[in-house]
C-alpha atoms as a PDB file:
ATOM      1  CA  MET A   1     -76.963  -3.540  36.609  1.00  0.00           C
ATOM      2  CA  LYS A   2     -80.743  -3.782  36.839  1.00  0.00           C
ATOM      3  CA  ILE A   3     -82.919  -1.849  34.412  1.00  0.00           C
ATOM      4  CA  ALA A   4     -86.553  -1.001  34.918  1.00  0.00           C
ATOM      5  CA  PHE A   5     -89.067   0.311  32.449  1.00  0.00           C
ATOM      6  CA  ILE A   6     -91.452   2.878  33.844  1.00  0.00           C
ATOM      7  CA  ALA A   7     -94.606   3.673  31.920  1.00  0.00           C
ATOM      8  CA  LEU A   8     -96.168   7.104  32.234  1.00  0.00           C
ATOM      9  CA  PRO A   9     -99.025   8.348  30.078  1.00  0.00           C
ATOM     10  CA  GLY A  10     -97.440   8.883  26.659  1.00  0.00           C
ATOM     11  CA  PHE A  11     -93.883   8.014  27.863  1.00  0.00           C
ATOM     12  CA  LEU A  12     -91.838   4.952  28.453  1.00  0.00           C
ATOM     13  CA  LEU A  13     -88.865   5.705  30.693  1.00  0.00           C
ATOM     14  CA  LEU A  14     -85.782   3.599  31.139  1.00  0.00           C
ATOM     15  CA  ALA A  15     -84.362   3.734  34.659  1.00  0.00           C
ATOM     16  CA  GLN A  16     -81.338   2.171  36.253  1.00  0.00           C
ATOM     17  CA  THR A  17     -82.372   0.668  39.556  1.00  0.00           C
ATOM     18  CA  SER A  18     -78.859   0.133  40.905  1.00  0.00           C
ATOM     19  CA  LEU A  19     -77.718   2.731  43.438  1.00  0.00           C
ATOM     20  CA  SER A  20     -74.423   3.067  41.604  1.00  0.00           C
ATOM     21  CA  PHE A  21     -74.226   4.308  38.044  1.00  0.00           C
ATOM     22  CA  ALA A  22     -70.609   3.195  37.789  1.00  0.00           C
ATOM     23  CA  ASP A  23     -69.575   0.663  35.177  1.00  0.00           C
ATOM     24  CA  THR A  24     -67.265  -1.572  37.201  1.00  0.00           C
ATOM     25  CA  LEU A  25     -66.201  -3.544  34.118  1.00  0.00           C
ATOM     26  CA  ASN A  26     -64.942  -0.299  32.549  1.00  0.00           C
ATOM     27  CA  GLY A  27     -63.245   0.590  35.849  1.00  0.00           C
ATOM     28  CA  LYS A  28     -61.595  -2.824  36.055  1.00  0.00           C
ATOM     29  CA  ASN A  29     -60.375  -2.637  32.455  1.00  0.00           C
ATOM     30  CA  LEU A  30     -58.966   0.864  32.975  1.00  0.00           C
ATOM     31  CA  TYR A  31     -57.239  -0.217  36.181  1.00  0.00           C
ATOM     32  CA  LEU A  32     -55.720  -3.370  34.668  1.00  0.00           C
ATOM     33  CA  GLN A  33     -54.568  -1.547  31.521  1.00  0.00           C
ATOM     34  CA  ARG A  34     -53.260   1.630  33.140  1.00  0.00           C
ATOM     35  CA  CYS A  35     -52.563   1.134  36.857  1.00  0.00           C
ATOM     36  CA  SER A  36     -51.741  -2.484  37.619  1.00  0.00           C
ATOM     37  CA  VAL A  37     -48.263  -2.293  36.074  1.00  0.00           C
ATOM     38  CA  CYS A  38     -47.233  -0.482  39.268  1.00  0.00           C
ATOM     39  CA  HIS A  39     -50.018  -1.141  41.771  1.00  0.00           C
ATOM     40  CA  GLY A  40     -50.592  -4.807  40.873  1.00  0.00           C
ATOM     41  CA  ALA A  41     -53.894  -6.570  40.315  1.00  0.00           C
ATOM     42  CA  ASP A  42     -54.386  -6.662  44.093  1.00  0.00           C
ATOM     43  CA  ILE A  43     -53.862  -2.855  44.457  1.00  0.00           C
ATOM     44  CA  LYS A  44     -51.182  -3.524  47.089  1.00  0.00           C
ATOM     45  CA  GLY A  45     -48.231  -2.065  45.169  1.00  0.00           C
ATOM     46  CA  THR A  46     -47.128  -5.447  43.841  1.00  0.00           C
ATOM     47  CA  GLY A  47     -46.952  -4.733  40.101  1.00  0.00           C
ATOM     48  CA  PRO A  48     -43.789  -5.386  38.091  1.00  0.00           C
ATOM     49  CA  LEU A  49     -42.739  -1.719  38.358  1.00  0.00           C
ATOM     50  CA  ALA A  50     -43.693  -1.266  42.027  1.00  0.00           C
ATOM     51  CA  ASP A  51     -40.128  -1.197  43.335  1.00  0.00           C
ATOM     52  CA  LYS A  52     -38.730   0.681  40.361  1.00  0.00           C
ATOM     53  CA  SER A  53     -40.222   4.049  41.252  1.00  0.00           C
ATOM     54  CA  ASN A  54     -38.796   6.348  43.884  1.00  0.00           C
ATOM     55  CA  PRO A  55     -40.575   6.316  46.260  1.00  0.00           C
ATOM     56  CA  PRO A  56     -41.840   2.752  45.693  1.00  0.00           C
ATOM     57  CA  THR A  57     -45.468   2.306  44.671  1.00  0.00           C
ATOM     58  CA  PRO A  58     -47.729   2.425  47.735  1.00  0.00           C
ATOM     59  CA  ASP A  59     -50.133  -0.236  48.952  1.00  0.00           C
ATOM     60  CA  LEU A  60     -53.555   1.315  48.343  1.00  0.00           C
ATOM     61  CA  THR A  61     -55.366  -1.128  50.634  1.00  0.00           C
ATOM     62  CA  THR A  62     -54.086   0.480  53.835  1.00  0.00           C
ATOM     63  CA  PRO A  63     -56.632   1.921  56.279  1.00  0.00           C
ATOM     64  CA  ALA A  64     -55.239   5.433  55.652  1.00  0.00           C
ATOM     65  CA  PHE A  65     -55.813   5.196  51.890  1.00  0.00           C
ATOM     66  CA  LYS A  66     -59.263   3.621  52.356  1.00  0.00           C
ATOM     67  CA  LYS A  67     -60.208   6.598  54.528  1.00  0.00           C
ATOM     68  CA  ARG A  68     -58.924   9.092  51.941  1.00  0.00           C
ATOM     69  CA  LEU A  69     -60.844   7.318  49.173  1.00  0.00           C
ATOM     70  CA  THR A  70     -64.027   7.441  51.270  1.00  0.00           C
ATOM     71  CA  ASP A  71     -63.548  11.017  52.494  1.00  0.00           C
ATOM     72  CA  TYR A  72     -62.739  12.385  49.035  1.00  0.00           C
ATOM     73  CA  PRO A  73     -64.601  10.209  46.519  1.00  0.00           C
ATOM     74  CA  GLY A  74     -63.168  10.605  43.051  1.00  0.00           C
ATOM     75  CA  VAL A  75     -60.652  13.265  44.055  1.00  0.00           C
ATOM     76  CA  ILE A  76     -57.738  10.898  44.684  1.00  0.00           C
ATOM     77  CA  VAL A  77     -58.211   8.943  41.462  1.00  0.00           C
ATOM     78  CA  SER A  78     -58.762  11.993  39.262  1.00  0.00           C
ATOM     79  CA  SER A  79     -55.863  13.962  40.744  1.00  0.00           C
ATOM     80  CA  VAL A  80     -53.405  11.114  40.071  1.00  0.00           C
ATOM     81  CA  ILE A  81     -54.726  10.574  36.555  1.00  0.00           C
ATOM     82  CA  LEU A  82     -54.928  14.204  35.545  1.00  0.00           C
ATOM     83  CA  ARG A  83     -51.595  15.154  37.127  1.00  0.00           C
ATOM     84  CA  PRO A  84     -49.779  11.876  37.680  1.00  0.00           C
ATOM     85  CA  ASN A  85     -47.717  12.691  40.759  1.00  0.00           C
ATOM     86  CA  GLY A  86     -45.619  15.308  39.012  1.00  0.00           C
ATOM     87  CA  ASN A  87     -43.345  13.374  36.695  1.00  0.00           C
ATOM     88  CA  LEU A  88     -42.929  10.246  38.849  1.00  0.00           C
ATOM     89  CA  ILE A  89     -45.349   7.994  36.961  1.00  0.00           C
ATOM     90  CA  PRO A  90     -44.328   8.999  33.406  1.00  0.00           C
ATOM     91  CA  LYS A  91     -40.633   8.871  34.407  1.00  0.00           C
ATOM     92  CA  THR A  92     -40.952   5.387  35.943  1.00  0.00           C
ATOM     93  CA  LEU A  93     -42.771   4.090  32.868  1.00  0.00           C
ATOM     94  CA  ARG A  94     -40.274   5.702  30.483  1.00  0.00           C
ATOM     95  CA  GLU A  95     -37.195   4.446  32.378  1.00  0.00           C
ATOM     96  CA  ASN A  96     -38.554   0.902  32.261  1.00  0.00           C
ATOM     97  CA  GLY A  97     -39.619   0.952  28.612  1.00  0.00           C
ATOM     98  CA  VAL A  98     -43.327   0.696  29.400  1.00  0.00           C
ATOM     99  CA  LYS A  99     -45.622   2.498  26.993  1.00  0.00           C
ATOM    100  CA  ILE A 100     -49.202   3.082  28.006  1.00  0.00           C
ATOM    101  CA  PRO A 101     -51.133   4.785  25.219  1.00  0.00           C
ATOM    102  CA  PRO A 102     -52.763   8.142  25.977  1.00  0.00           C
ATOM    103  CA  HIS A 103     -56.365   8.015  27.085  1.00  0.00           C
ATOM    104  CA  ALA A 104     -59.005  10.732  26.810  1.00  0.00           C
ATOM    105  CA  TRP A 105     -60.419  10.451  30.334  1.00  0.00           C
ATOM    106  CA  SER A 106     -64.110  11.107  30.776  1.00  0.00           C
ATOM    107  CA  VAL A 107     -65.943  11.834  34.003  1.00  0.00           C
ATOM    108  CA  ASP A 108     -67.507   8.382  33.672  1.00  0.00           C
ATOM    109  CA  ASP A 109     -64.055   6.785  33.416  1.00  0.00           C
ATOM    110  CA  LEU A 110     -62.901   8.528  36.595  1.00  0.00           C
ATOM    111  CA  ARG A 111     -66.078   7.465  38.401  1.00  0.00           C
ATOM    112  CA  ASP A 112     -65.815   3.885  37.136  1.00  0.00           C
ATOM    113  CA  LEU A 113     -62.163   3.562  38.154  1.00  0.00           C
ATOM    114  CA  HIS A 114     -62.892   5.002  41.611  1.00  0.00           C
ATOM    115  CA  GLN A 115     -65.800   2.591  42.067  1.00  0.00           C
ATOM    116  CA  TYR A 116     -63.758  -0.402  40.943  1.00  0.00           C
ATOM    117  CA  MET A 117     -60.823   0.446  43.214  1.00  0.00           C
ATOM    118  CA  SER A 118     -63.143   1.117  46.151  1.00  0.00           C
ATOM    119  CA  GLY A 119     -64.761  -2.279  45.637  1.00  0.00           C
ATOM    120  CA  VAL A 120     -61.453  -4.144  45.525  1.00  0.00           C
ATOM    121  CA  ILE A 121     -60.071  -2.237  48.508  1.00  0.00           C
ATOM    122  CA  SER A 122     -63.177  -2.783  50.635  1.00  0.00           C
ATOM    123  CA  LYS A 123     -62.837  -6.568  50.131  1.00  0.00           C
ATOM    124  CA  LYS A 124     -59.302  -6.561  51.581  1.00  0.00           C
END
């Protein structure tokens, strides 16, 4: 992230010069801690619990998912997090003895996770 200082008469402003305000390190950490157990580090549905859910965890690098992520920025990520696919995600975690501590999601967290996932997916 690049930071610029802008001086105006009587003011010194701090401005972020990057087009994105997302914190990709936060997004990566959230993804690895909360999502990769099913989706895998590569986001292709290769995590240790990927085949233990019904239906199996999807590959999020498909052209169809990329299009959804682009067409509805933030909506896909926030809808899964705030209402995790009915009971499928909590049930899969519970049945496999995986405990992921609760997290108080902020708008910044949702944005950061979306940005991180979009970056990984666009590289595939």
